[in-house]
Amino acid sequence: MAIVVEQEKRKSNLIVFIGWLAVMITIVVIIYYLFFQKPELIPITASTDFSLATRVSQIDINPSIVINDVKFSTRQPYVSVPGIGEARRANPFLSY
């Protein structure tokens, strides 16, 4: 005598269908906004006051003044220069 065990059928196929439909619509909307929607441009107007730009462009940048400065030459180095060491193991397949 065989015992027949059947899986109970779902009664709410409509809810599953609506769930899948919501997921598909969400994916389509995301793809549309990522690949097909043109972004709105932000209007940026140039300032008519160029006095700051002219002052910055007239600054004399001379690195020898900084290098020859007493405060720069007597500064304390807080980070040591890295030494030369072994970059890798001779045989990476050997165990430690």
PDB file of N, CA and C in Angstrom:
ATOM      1  N   MET A   1       0.838  -1.158   0.000  1.00  0.00           N
ATOM      2  CA  MET A   1       0.000   0.000   0.000  1.00  0.00           C
ATOM      3  C   MET A   1       0.898   1.241   0.000  1.00  0.00           C
ATOM      4  N   ALA A   2       0.712   2.093  -0.955  1.00  0.00           N
ATOM      5  CA  ALA A   2       1.529   3.286  -1.110  1.00  0.00           C
ATOM      6  C   ALA A   2       0.868   4.477  -0.437  1.00  0.00           C
ATOM      7  N   ILE A   3       1.700   5.262   0.187  1.00  0.00           N
ATOM      8  CA  ILE A   3       1.201   6.492   0.814  1.00  0.00           C
ATOM      9  C   ILE A   3       1.494   7.644  -0.136  1.00  0.00           C
ATOM     10  N   VAL A   4       0.481   8.312  -0.548  1.00  0.00           N
ATOM     11  CA  VAL A   4       0.629   9.423  -1.490  1.00  0.00           C
ATOM     12  C   VAL A   4       0.631  10.731  -0.692  1.00  0.00           C
ATOM     13  N   VAL A   5       1.744  11.460  -0.811  1.00  0.00           N
ATOM     14  CA  VAL A   5       1.860  12.757  -0.136  1.00  0.00           C
ATOM     15  C   VAL A   5       1.985  13.806  -1.232  1.00  0.00           C
ATOM     16  N   GLU A   6       1.015  14.658  -1.301  1.00  0.00           N
ATOM     17  CA  GLU A   6       1.038  15.716  -2.304  1.00  0.00           C
ATOM     18  C   GLU A   6       1.278  17.061  -1.632  1.00  0.00           C
ATOM     19  N   GLN A   7       1.976  17.906  -2.357  1.00  0.00           N
ATOM     20  CA  GLN A   7       2.224  19.233  -1.842  1.00  0.00           C
ATOM     21  C   GLN A   7       0.949  20.062  -2.002  1.00  0.00           C
ATOM     22  N   GLU A   8       0.654  20.840  -0.990  1.00  0.00           N
ATOM     23  CA  GLU A   8      -0.555  21.637  -1.024  1.00  0.00           C
ATOM     24  C   GLU A   8      -0.399  22.767  -2.036  1.00  0.00           C
ATOM     25  N   LYS A   9      -1.386  22.951  -2.858  1.00  0.00           N
ATOM     26  CA  LYS A   9      -1.309  23.995  -3.875  1.00  0.00           C
ATOM     27  C   LYS A   9      -1.571  25.349  -3.241  1.00  0.00           C
ATOM     28  N   ARG A  10      -0.900  26.343  -3.794  1.00  0.00           N
ATOM     29  CA  ARG A  10      -1.090  27.693  -3.285  1.00  0.00           C
ATOM     30  C   ARG A  10      -2.421  28.241  -3.772  1.00  0.00           C
ATOM     31  N   LYS A  11      -3.089  28.921  -2.893  1.00  0.00           N
ATOM     32  CA  LYS A  11      -4.370  29.499  -3.245  1.00  0.00           C
ATOM     33  C   LYS A  11      -4.239  30.950  -3.693  1.00  0.00           C
ATOM     34  N   SER A  12      -3.095  31.580  -3.414  1.00  0.00           N
ATOM     35  CA  SER A  12      -2.949  33.009  -3.689  1.00  0.00           C
ATOM     36  C   SER A  12      -1.983  33.256  -4.847  1.00  0.00           C
ATOM     37  N   ASN A  13      -2.298  32.765  -6.004  1.00  0.00           N
ATOM     38  CA  ASN A  13      -1.468  33.012  -7.175  1.00  0.00           C
ATOM     39  C   ASN A  13      -1.514  34.466  -7.590  1.00  0.00           C
ATOM     40  N   LEU A  14      -2.578  35.153  -7.266  1.00  0.00           N
ATOM     41  CA  LEU A  14      -2.712  36.563  -7.614  1.00  0.00           C
ATOM     42  C   LEU A  14      -1.701  37.403  -6.835  1.00  0.00           C
ATOM     43  N   ILE A  15      -1.470  37.081  -5.583  1.00  0.00           N
ATOM     44  CA  ILE A  15      -0.508  37.842  -4.774  1.00  0.00           C
ATOM     45  C   ILE A  15       0.908  37.627  -5.289  1.00  0.00           C
ATOM     46  N   VAL A  16       1.241  36.422  -5.672  1.00  0.00           N
ATOM     47  CA  VAL A  16       2.565  36.127  -6.241  1.00  0.00           C
ATOM     48  C   VAL A  16       2.736  36.876  -7.558  1.00  0.00           C
ATOM     49  N   PHE A  17       1.712  36.881  -8.376  1.00  0.00           N
ATOM     50  CA  PHE A  17       1.774  37.590  -9.657  1.00  0.00           C
ATOM     51  C   PHE A  17       1.973  39.086  -9.439  1.00  0.00           C
ATOM     52  N   ILE A  18       1.255  39.671  -8.495  1.00  0.00           N
ATOM     53  CA  ILE A  18       1.398  41.111  -8.214  1.00  0.00           C
ATOM     54  C   ILE A  18       2.788  41.411  -7.667  1.00  0.00           C
ATOM     55  N   GLY A  19       3.326  40.535  -6.857  1.00  0.00           N
ATOM     56  CA  GLY A  19       4.687  40.723  -6.337  1.00  0.00           C
ATOM     57  C   GLY A  19       5.724  40.706  -7.439  1.00  0.00           C
ATOM     58  N   TRP A  20       5.635  39.725  -8.332  1.00  0.00           N
ATOM     59  CA  TRP A  20       6.577  39.662  -9.455  1.00  0.00           C
ATOM     60  C   TRP A  20       6.404  40.852 -10.384  1.00  0.00           C
ATOM     61  N   LEU A  21       5.189  41.297 -10.590  1.00  0.00           N
ATOM     62  CA  LEU A  21       4.936  42.458 -11.430  1.00  0.00           C
ATOM     63  C   LEU A  21       5.564  43.715 -10.823  1.00  0.00           C
ATOM     64  N   ALA A  22       5.479  43.863  -9.504  1.00  0.00           N
ATOM     65  CA  ALA A  22       6.092  45.010  -8.830  1.00  0.00           C
ATOM     66  C   ALA A  22       7.612  44.970  -8.963  1.00  0.00           C
ATOM     67  N   VAL A  23       8.194  43.789  -8.840  1.00  0.00           N
ATOM     68  CA  VAL A  23       9.648  43.657  -8.987  1.00  0.00           C
ATOM     69  C   VAL A  23      10.076  44.010 -10.407  1.00  0.00           C
ATOM     70  N   MET A  24       9.370  43.531 -11.388  1.00  0.00           N
ATOM     71  CA  MET A  24       9.719  43.808 -12.786  1.00  0.00           C
ATOM     72  C   MET A  24       9.569  45.295 -13.120  1.00  0.00           C
ATOM     73  N   ILE A  25       8.505  45.919 -12.620  1.00  0.00           N
ATOM     74  CA  ILE A  25       8.320  47.354 -12.864  1.00  0.00           C
ATOM     75  C   ILE A  25       9.442  48.151 -12.202  1.00  0.00           C
ATOM     76  N   THR A  26       9.843  47.757 -11.004  1.00  0.00           N
ATOM     77  CA  THR A  26      10.943  48.441 -10.323  1.00  0.00           C
ATOM     78  C   THR A  26      12.241  48.319 -11.112  1.00  0.00           C
ATOM     79  N   ILE A  27      12.525  47.150 -11.643  1.00  0.00           N
ATOM     80  CA  ILE A  27      13.744  46.955 -12.433  1.00  0.00           C
ATOM     81  C   ILE A  27      13.703  47.787 -13.706  1.00  0.00           C
ATOM     82  N   VAL A  28      12.570  47.843 -14.369  1.00  0.00           N
ATOM     83  CA  VAL A  28      12.451  48.636 -15.597  1.00  0.00           C
ATOM     84  C   VAL A  28      12.636  50.120 -15.293  1.00  0.00           C
ATOM     85  N   VAL A  29      12.064  50.606 -14.208  1.00  0.00           N
ATOM     86  CA  VAL A  29      12.211  52.018 -13.845  1.00  0.00           C
ATOM     87  C   VAL A  29      13.666  52.337 -13.512  1.00  0.00           C
ATOM     88  N   ILE A  30      14.340  51.455 -12.795  1.00  0.00           N
ATOM     89  CA  ILE A  30      15.745  51.677 -12.457  1.00  0.00           C
ATOM     90  C   ILE A  30      16.598  51.710 -13.716  1.00  0.00           C
ATOM     91  N   ILE A  31      16.374  50.790 -14.633  1.00  0.00           N
ATOM     92  CA  ILE A  31      17.144  50.770 -15.886  1.00  0.00           C
ATOM     93  C   ILE A  31      16.880  52.032 -16.694  1.00  0.00           C
ATOM     94  N   TYR A  32      15.642  52.495 -16.718  1.00  0.00           N
ATOM     95  CA  TYR A  32      15.314  53.714 -17.465  1.00  0.00           C
ATOM     96  C   TYR A  32      16.063  54.914 -16.891  1.00  0.00           C
ATOM     97  N   TYR A  33      16.027  55.086 -15.571  1.00  0.00           N
ATOM     98  CA  TYR A  33      16.674  56.255 -14.972  1.00  0.00           C
ATOM     99  C   TYR A  33      18.188  56.158 -15.009  1.00  0.00           C
ATOM    100  N   LEU A  34      18.747  54.962 -15.033  1.00  0.00           N
ATOM    101  CA  LEU A  34      20.199  54.842 -15.100  1.00  0.00           C
ATOM    102  C   LEU A  34      20.749  55.077 -16.498  1.00  0.00           C
ATOM    103  N   PHE A  35      20.050  54.567 -17.527  1.00  0.00           N
ATOM    104  CA  PHE A  35      20.637  54.568 -18.859  1.00  0.00           C
ATOM    105  C   PHE A  35      19.966  55.507 -19.861  1.00  0.00           C
ATOM    106  N   PHE A  36      18.712  55.849 -19.695  1.00  0.00           N
ATOM    107  CA  PHE A  36      18.004  56.590 -20.723  1.00  0.00           C
ATOM    108  C   PHE A  36      17.589  57.996 -20.318  1.00  0.00           C
ATOM    109  N   GLN A  37      17.506  58.308 -19.058  1.00  0.00           N
ATOM    110  CA  GLN A  37      17.092  59.633 -18.606  1.00  0.00           C
ATOM    111  C   GLN A  37      18.269  60.592 -18.712  1.00  0.00           C
ATOM    112  N   LYS A  38      18.070  61.709 -19.381  1.00  0.00           N
ATOM    113  CA  LYS A  38      19.124  62.721 -19.470  1.00  0.00           C
ATOM    114  C   LYS A  38      19.087  63.559 -18.201  1.00  0.00           C
ATOM    115  N   PRO A  39      20.250  63.767 -17.575  1.00  0.00           N
ATOM    116  CA  PRO A  39      20.263  64.530 -16.322  1.00  0.00           C
ATOM    117  C   PRO A  39      19.983  66.009 -16.577  1.00  0.00           C
ATOM    118  N   GLU A  40      19.334  66.625 -15.614  1.00  0.00           N
ATOM    119  CA  GLU A  40      19.078  68.048 -15.724  1.00  0.00           C
ATOM    120  C   GLU A  40      20.374  68.793 -15.443  1.00  0.00           C
ATOM    121  N   LEU A  41      20.650  69.775 -16.246  1.00  0.00           N
ATOM    122  CA  LEU A  41      21.874  70.548 -16.077  1.00  0.00           C
ATOM    123  C   LEU A  41      21.637  71.658 -15.061  1.00  0.00           C
ATOM    124  N   ILE A  42      22.610  71.859 -14.220  1.00  0.00           N
ATOM    125  CA  ILE A  42      22.520  72.909 -13.215  1.00  0.00           C
ATOM    126  C   ILE A  42      23.099  74.181 -13.828  1.00  0.00           C
ATOM    127  N   PRO A  43      22.307  75.246 -13.894  1.00  0.00           N
ATOM    128  CA  PRO A  43      22.835  76.477 -14.486  1.00  0.00           C
ATOM    129  C   PRO A  43      23.850  77.136 -13.553  1.00  0.00           C
ATOM    130  N   ILE A  44      25.044  77.330 -14.064  1.00  0.00           N
ATOM    131  CA  ILE A  44      26.108  77.984 -13.305  1.00  0.00           C
ATOM    132  C   ILE A  44      26.518  79.226 -14.079  1.00  0.00           C
ATOM    133  N   THR A  45      26.423  80.348 -13.424  1.00  0.00           N
ATOM    134  CA  THR A  45      26.813  81.596 -14.075  1.00  0.00           C
ATOM    135  C   THR A  45      28.171  82.027 -13.541  1.00  0.00           C
ATOM    136  N   ALA A  46      28.979  82.532 -14.420  1.00  0.00           N
ATOM    137  CA  ALA A  46      30.308  82.984 -14.026  1.00  0.00           C
ATOM    138  C   ALA A  46      30.192  84.316 -13.299  1.00  0.00           C
ATOM    139  N   SER A  47      31.015  84.478 -12.305  1.00  0.00           N
ATOM    140  CA  SER A  47      31.027  85.710 -11.535  1.00  0.00           C
ATOM    141  C   SER A  47      31.674  86.819 -12.361  1.00  0.00           C
ATOM    142  N   THR A  48      31.136  88.009 -12.253  1.00  0.00           N
ATOM    143  CA  THR A  48      31.714  89.139 -13.000  1.00  0.00           C
ATOM    144  C   THR A  48      32.840  89.784 -12.213  1.00  0.00           C
ATOM    145  N   ASP A  49      33.015  89.424 -10.944  1.00  0.00           N
ATOM    146  CA  ASP A  49      34.069  89.991 -10.118  1.00  0.00           C
ATOM    147  C   ASP A  49      35.300  89.098 -10.216  1.00  0.00           C
ATOM    148  N   PHE A  50      36.253  89.515 -11.038  1.00  0.00           N
ATOM    149  CA  PHE A  50      37.476  88.733 -11.236  1.00  0.00           C
ATOM    150  C   PHE A  50      38.651  89.304 -10.458  1.00  0.00           C
ATOM    151  N   SER A  51      38.388  90.102  -9.430  1.00  0.00           N
ATOM    152  CA  SER A  51      39.489  90.705  -8.682  1.00  0.00           C
ATOM    153  C   SER A  51      40.281  89.634  -7.920  1.00  0.00           C
ATOM    154  N   LEU A  52      39.592  88.630  -7.390  1.00  0.00           N
ATOM    155  CA  LEU A  52      40.300  87.560  -6.692  1.00  0.00           C
ATOM    156  C   LEU A  52      41.160  86.752  -7.661  1.00  0.00           C
ATOM    157  N   ALA A  53      40.650  86.513  -8.852  1.00  0.00           N
ATOM    158  CA  ALA A  53      41.423  85.754  -9.839  1.00  0.00           C
ATOM    159  C   ALA A  53      42.657  86.518 -10.279  1.00  0.00           C
ATOM    160  N   THR A  54      42.542  87.817 -10.420  1.00  0.00           N
ATOM    161  CA  THR A  54      43.718  88.598 -10.825  1.00  0.00           C
ATOM    162  C   THR A  54      44.736  88.655  -9.699  1.00  0.00           C
ATOM    163  N   ARG A  55      44.280  88.725  -8.428  1.00  0.00           N
ATOM    164  CA  ARG A  55      45.238  88.740  -7.315  1.00  0.00           C
ATOM    165  C   ARG A  55      45.960  87.401  -7.207  1.00  0.00           C
ATOM    166  N   VAL A  56      45.225  86.309  -7.414  1.00  0.00           N
ATOM    167  CA  VAL A  56      45.847  84.986  -7.330  1.00  0.00           C
ATOM    168  C   VAL A  56      46.827  84.779  -8.479  1.00  0.00           C
ATOM    169  N   SER A  57      46.505  85.269  -9.642  1.00  0.00           N
ATOM    170  CA  SER A  57      47.392  85.074 -10.784  1.00  0.00           C
ATOM    171  C   SER A  57      48.670  85.901 -10.668  1.00  0.00           C
ATOM    172  N   GLN A  58      48.689  86.901  -9.828  1.00  0.00           N
ATOM    173  CA  GLN A  58      49.880  87.745  -9.680  1.00  0.00           C
ATOM    174  C   GLN A  58      50.778  87.305  -8.522  1.00  0.00           C
ATOM    175  N   ILE A  59      50.440  86.215  -7.847  1.00  0.00           N
ATOM    176  CA  ILE A  59      51.268  85.717  -6.744  1.00  0.00           C
ATOM    177  C   ILE A  59      52.552  85.124  -7.321  1.00  0.00           C
ATOM    178  N   ASP A  60      53.676  85.516  -6.728  1.00  0.00           N
ATOM    179  CA  ASP A  60      54.974  85.004  -7.159  1.00  0.00           C
ATOM    180  C   ASP A  60      55.289  83.752  -6.356  1.00  0.00           C
ATOM    181  N   ILE A  61      55.292  82.623  -7.026  1.00  0.00           N
ATOM    182  CA  ILE A  61      55.574  81.354  -6.366  1.00  0.00           C
ATOM    183  C   ILE A  61      57.044  81.018  -6.613  1.00  0.00           C
ATOM    184  N   ASN A  62      57.809  81.049  -5.520  1.00  0.00           N
ATOM    185  CA  ASN A  62      59.243  80.791  -5.622  1.00  0.00           C
ATOM    186  C   ASN A  62      59.599  79.697  -4.609  1.00  0.00           C
ATOM    187  N   PRO A  63      59.820  78.471  -5.049  1.00  0.00           N
ATOM    188  CA  PRO A  63      60.096  77.386  -4.095  1.00  0.00           C
ATOM    189  C   PRO A  63      61.437  77.520  -3.384  1.00  0.00           C
ATOM    190  N   SER A  64      62.374  78.254  -3.938  1.00  0.00           N
ATOM    191  CA  SER A  64      63.672  78.397  -3.270  1.00  0.00           C
ATOM    192  C   SER A  64      63.541  79.188  -1.971  1.00  0.00           C
ATOM    193  N   ILE A  65      62.565  80.060  -1.869  1.00  0.00           N
ATOM    194  CA  ILE A  65      62.341  80.790  -0.620  1.00  0.00           C
ATOM    195  C   ILE A  65      61.920  79.820   0.480  1.00  0.00           C
ATOM    196  N   VAL A  66      61.066  78.872   0.143  1.00  0.00           N
ATOM    197  CA  VAL A  66      60.605  77.901   1.136  1.00  0.00           C
ATOM    198  C   VAL A  66      61.725  76.942   1.514  1.00  0.00           C
ATOM    199  N   ILE A  67      62.460  76.454   0.555  1.00  0.00           N
ATOM    200  CA  ILE A  67      63.516  75.470   0.823  1.00  0.00           C
ATOM    201  C   ILE A  67      64.646  76.080   1.640  1.00  0.00           C
ATOM    202  N   ASN A  68      64.971  77.332   1.398  1.00  0.00           N
ATOM    203  CA  ASN A  68      66.073  77.984   2.112  1.00  0.00           C
ATOM    204  C   ASN A  68      65.624  78.624   3.419  1.00  0.00           C
ATOM    205  N   ASP A  69      64.386  78.510   3.790  1.00  0.00           N
ATOM    206  CA  ASP A  69      63.883  79.103   5.027  1.00  0.00           C
ATOM    207  C   ASP A  69      64.432  78.334   6.231  1.00  0.00           C
ATOM    208  N   VAL A  70      64.738  79.061   7.307  1.00  0.00           N
ATOM    209  CA  VAL A  70      65.317  78.460   8.508  1.00  0.00           C
ATOM    210  C   VAL A  70      64.305  77.521   9.167  1.00  0.00           C
ATOM    211  N   LYS A  71      63.043  77.911   9.243  1.00  0.00           N
ATOM    212  CA  LYS A  71      62.023  77.068   9.871  1.00  0.00           C
ATOM    213  C   LYS A  71      61.821  75.768   9.093  1.00  0.00           C
ATOM    214  N   PHE A  72      61.921  75.836   7.784  1.00  0.00           N
ATOM    215  CA  PHE A  72      61.750  74.632   6.976  1.00  0.00           C
ATOM    216  C   PHE A  72      62.921  73.680   7.148  1.00  0.00           C
ATOM    217  N   SER A  73      64.122  74.214   7.221  1.00  0.00           N
ATOM    218  CA  SER A  73      65.300  73.347   7.322  1.00  0.00           C
ATOM    219  C   SER A  73      65.472  72.760   8.718  1.00  0.00           C
ATOM    220  N   THR A  74      64.902  73.389   9.771  1.00  0.00           N
ATOM    221  CA  THR A  74      65.056  72.863  11.129  1.00  0.00           C
ATOM    222  C   THR A  74      63.825  72.082  11.590  1.00  0.00           C
ATOM    223  N   ARG A  75      62.958  71.733  10.711  1.00  0.00           N
ATOM    224  CA  ARG A  75      61.742  71.016  11.106  1.00  0.00           C
ATOM    225  C   ARG A  75      62.089  69.588  11.510  1.00  0.00           C
ATOM    226  N   GLN A  76      61.243  69.021  12.367  1.00  0.00           N
ATOM    227  CA  GLN A  76      61.450  67.686  12.894  1.00  0.00           C
ATOM    228  C   GLN A  76      60.697  66.682  12.021  1.00  0.00           C
ATOM    229  N   PRO A  77      61.369  65.707  11.417  1.00  0.00           N
ATOM    230  CA  PRO A  77      60.649  64.692  10.634  1.00  0.00           C
ATOM    231  C   PRO A  77      59.963  63.692  11.572  1.00  0.00           C
ATOM    232  N   TYR A  78      58.667  63.546  11.451  1.00  0.00           N
ATOM    233  CA  TYR A  78      57.907  62.643  12.308  1.00  0.00           C
ATOM    234  C   TYR A  78      57.751  61.251  11.693  1.00  0.00           C
ATOM    235  N   VAL A  79      58.012  61.109  10.418  1.00  0.00           N
ATOM    236  CA  VAL A  79      57.899  59.833   9.736  1.00  0.00           C
ATOM    237  C   VAL A  79      59.269  59.470   9.198  1.00  0.00           C
ATOM    238  N   SER A  80      59.714  58.259   9.503  1.00  0.00           N
ATOM    239  CA  SER A  80      61.035  57.846   9.038  1.00  0.00           C
ATOM    240  C   SER A  80      60.961  57.393   7.578  1.00  0.00           C
ATOM    241  N   VAL A  81      62.081  57.415   6.937  1.00  0.00           N
ATOM    242  CA  VAL A  81      62.178  56.983   5.550  1.00  0.00           C
ATOM    243  C   VAL A  81      62.064  55.461   5.520  1.00  0.00           C
ATOM    244  N   PRO A  82      61.238  54.913   4.670  1.00  0.00           N
ATOM    245  CA  PRO A  82      61.083  53.457   4.646  1.00  0.00           C
ATOM    246  C   PRO A  82      62.363  52.784   4.165  1.00  0.00           C
ATOM    247  N   GLY A  83      62.685  51.674   4.800  1.00  0.00           N
ATOM    248  CA  GLY A  83      63.889  50.943   4.435  1.00  0.00           C
ATOM    249  C   GLY A  83      63.610  49.920   3.346  1.00  0.00           C
ATOM    250  N   ILE A  84      64.687  49.374   2.832  1.00  0.00           N
ATOM    251  CA  ILE A  84      64.566  48.365   1.796  1.00  0.00           C
ATOM    252  C   ILE A  84      64.436  47.015   2.482  1.00  0.00           C
ATOM    253  N   GLY A  85      63.389  46.312   2.175  1.00  0.00           N
ATOM    254  CA  GLY A  85      63.148  45.016   2.787  1.00  0.00           C
ATOM    255  C   GLY A  85      62.780  43.995   1.731  1.00  0.00           C
ATOM    256  N   GLU A  86      62.450  42.802   2.204  1.00  0.00           N
ATOM    257  CA  GLU A  86      62.063  41.741   1.294  1.00  0.00           C
ATOM    258  C   GLU A  86      60.598  41.940   0.910  1.00  0.00           C
ATOM    259  N   ALA A  87      60.328  42.034  -0.370  1.00  0.00           N
ATOM    260  CA  ALA A  87      58.988  42.336  -0.841  1.00  0.00           C
ATOM    261  C   ALA A  87      58.088  41.110  -0.842  1.00  0.00           C
ATOM    262  N   ARG A  88      58.649  39.934  -1.031  1.00  0.00           N
ATOM    263  CA  ARG A  88      57.814  38.739  -1.119  1.00  0.00           C
ATOM    264  C   ARG A  88      58.627  37.537  -0.654  1.00  0.00           C
ATOM    265  N   ARG A  89      57.929  36.437  -0.531  1.00  0.00           N
ATOM    266  CA  ARG A  89      58.596  35.200  -0.148  1.00  0.00           C
ATOM    267  C   ARG A  89      59.208  34.545  -1.380  1.00  0.00           C
ATOM    268  N   ALA A  90      60.250  33.767  -1.163  1.00  0.00           N
ATOM    269  CA  ALA A  90      60.921  33.089  -2.281  1.00  0.00           C
ATOM    270  C   ALA A  90      59.977  32.061  -2.914  1.00  0.00           C
ATOM    271  N   ASN A  91      59.262  31.291  -2.087  1.00  0.00           N
ATOM    272  CA  ASN A  91      58.317  30.319  -2.582  1.00  0.00           C
ATOM    273  C   ASN A  91      56.988  30.535  -1.859  1.00  0.00           C
ATOM    274  N   PRO A  92      56.011  31.128  -2.527  1.00  0.00           N
ATOM    275  CA  PRO A  92      54.752  31.435  -1.850  1.00  0.00           C
ATOM    276  C   PRO A  92      53.895  30.211  -1.536  1.00  0.00           C
ATOM    277  N   PHE A  93      54.244  29.050  -2.074  1.00  0.00           N
ATOM    278  CA  PHE A  93      53.456  27.846  -1.870  1.00  0.00           C
ATOM    279  C   PHE A  93      53.864  27.070  -0.625  1.00  0.00           C
ATOM    280  N   LEU A  94      54.995  27.428  -0.019  1.00  0.00           N
ATOM    281  CA  LEU A  94      55.416  26.780   1.221  1.00  0.00           C
ATOM    282  C   LEU A  94      54.613  27.315   2.388  1.00  0.00           C
ATOM    283  N   SER A  95      54.369  26.465   3.391  1.00  0.00           N
ATOM    284  CA  SER A  95      53.628  26.924   4.571  1.00  0.00           C
ATOM    285  C   SER A  95      54.537  27.741   5.466  1.00  0.00           C
ATOM    286  N   TYR A  96      53.937  28.514   6.351  1.00  0.00           N
ATOM    287  CA  TYR A  96      54.719  29.353   7.256  1.00  0.00           C
ATOM    288  C   TYR A  96      55.297  28.495   8.297  1.00  0.00           C
TER     289      TYR A  96
END
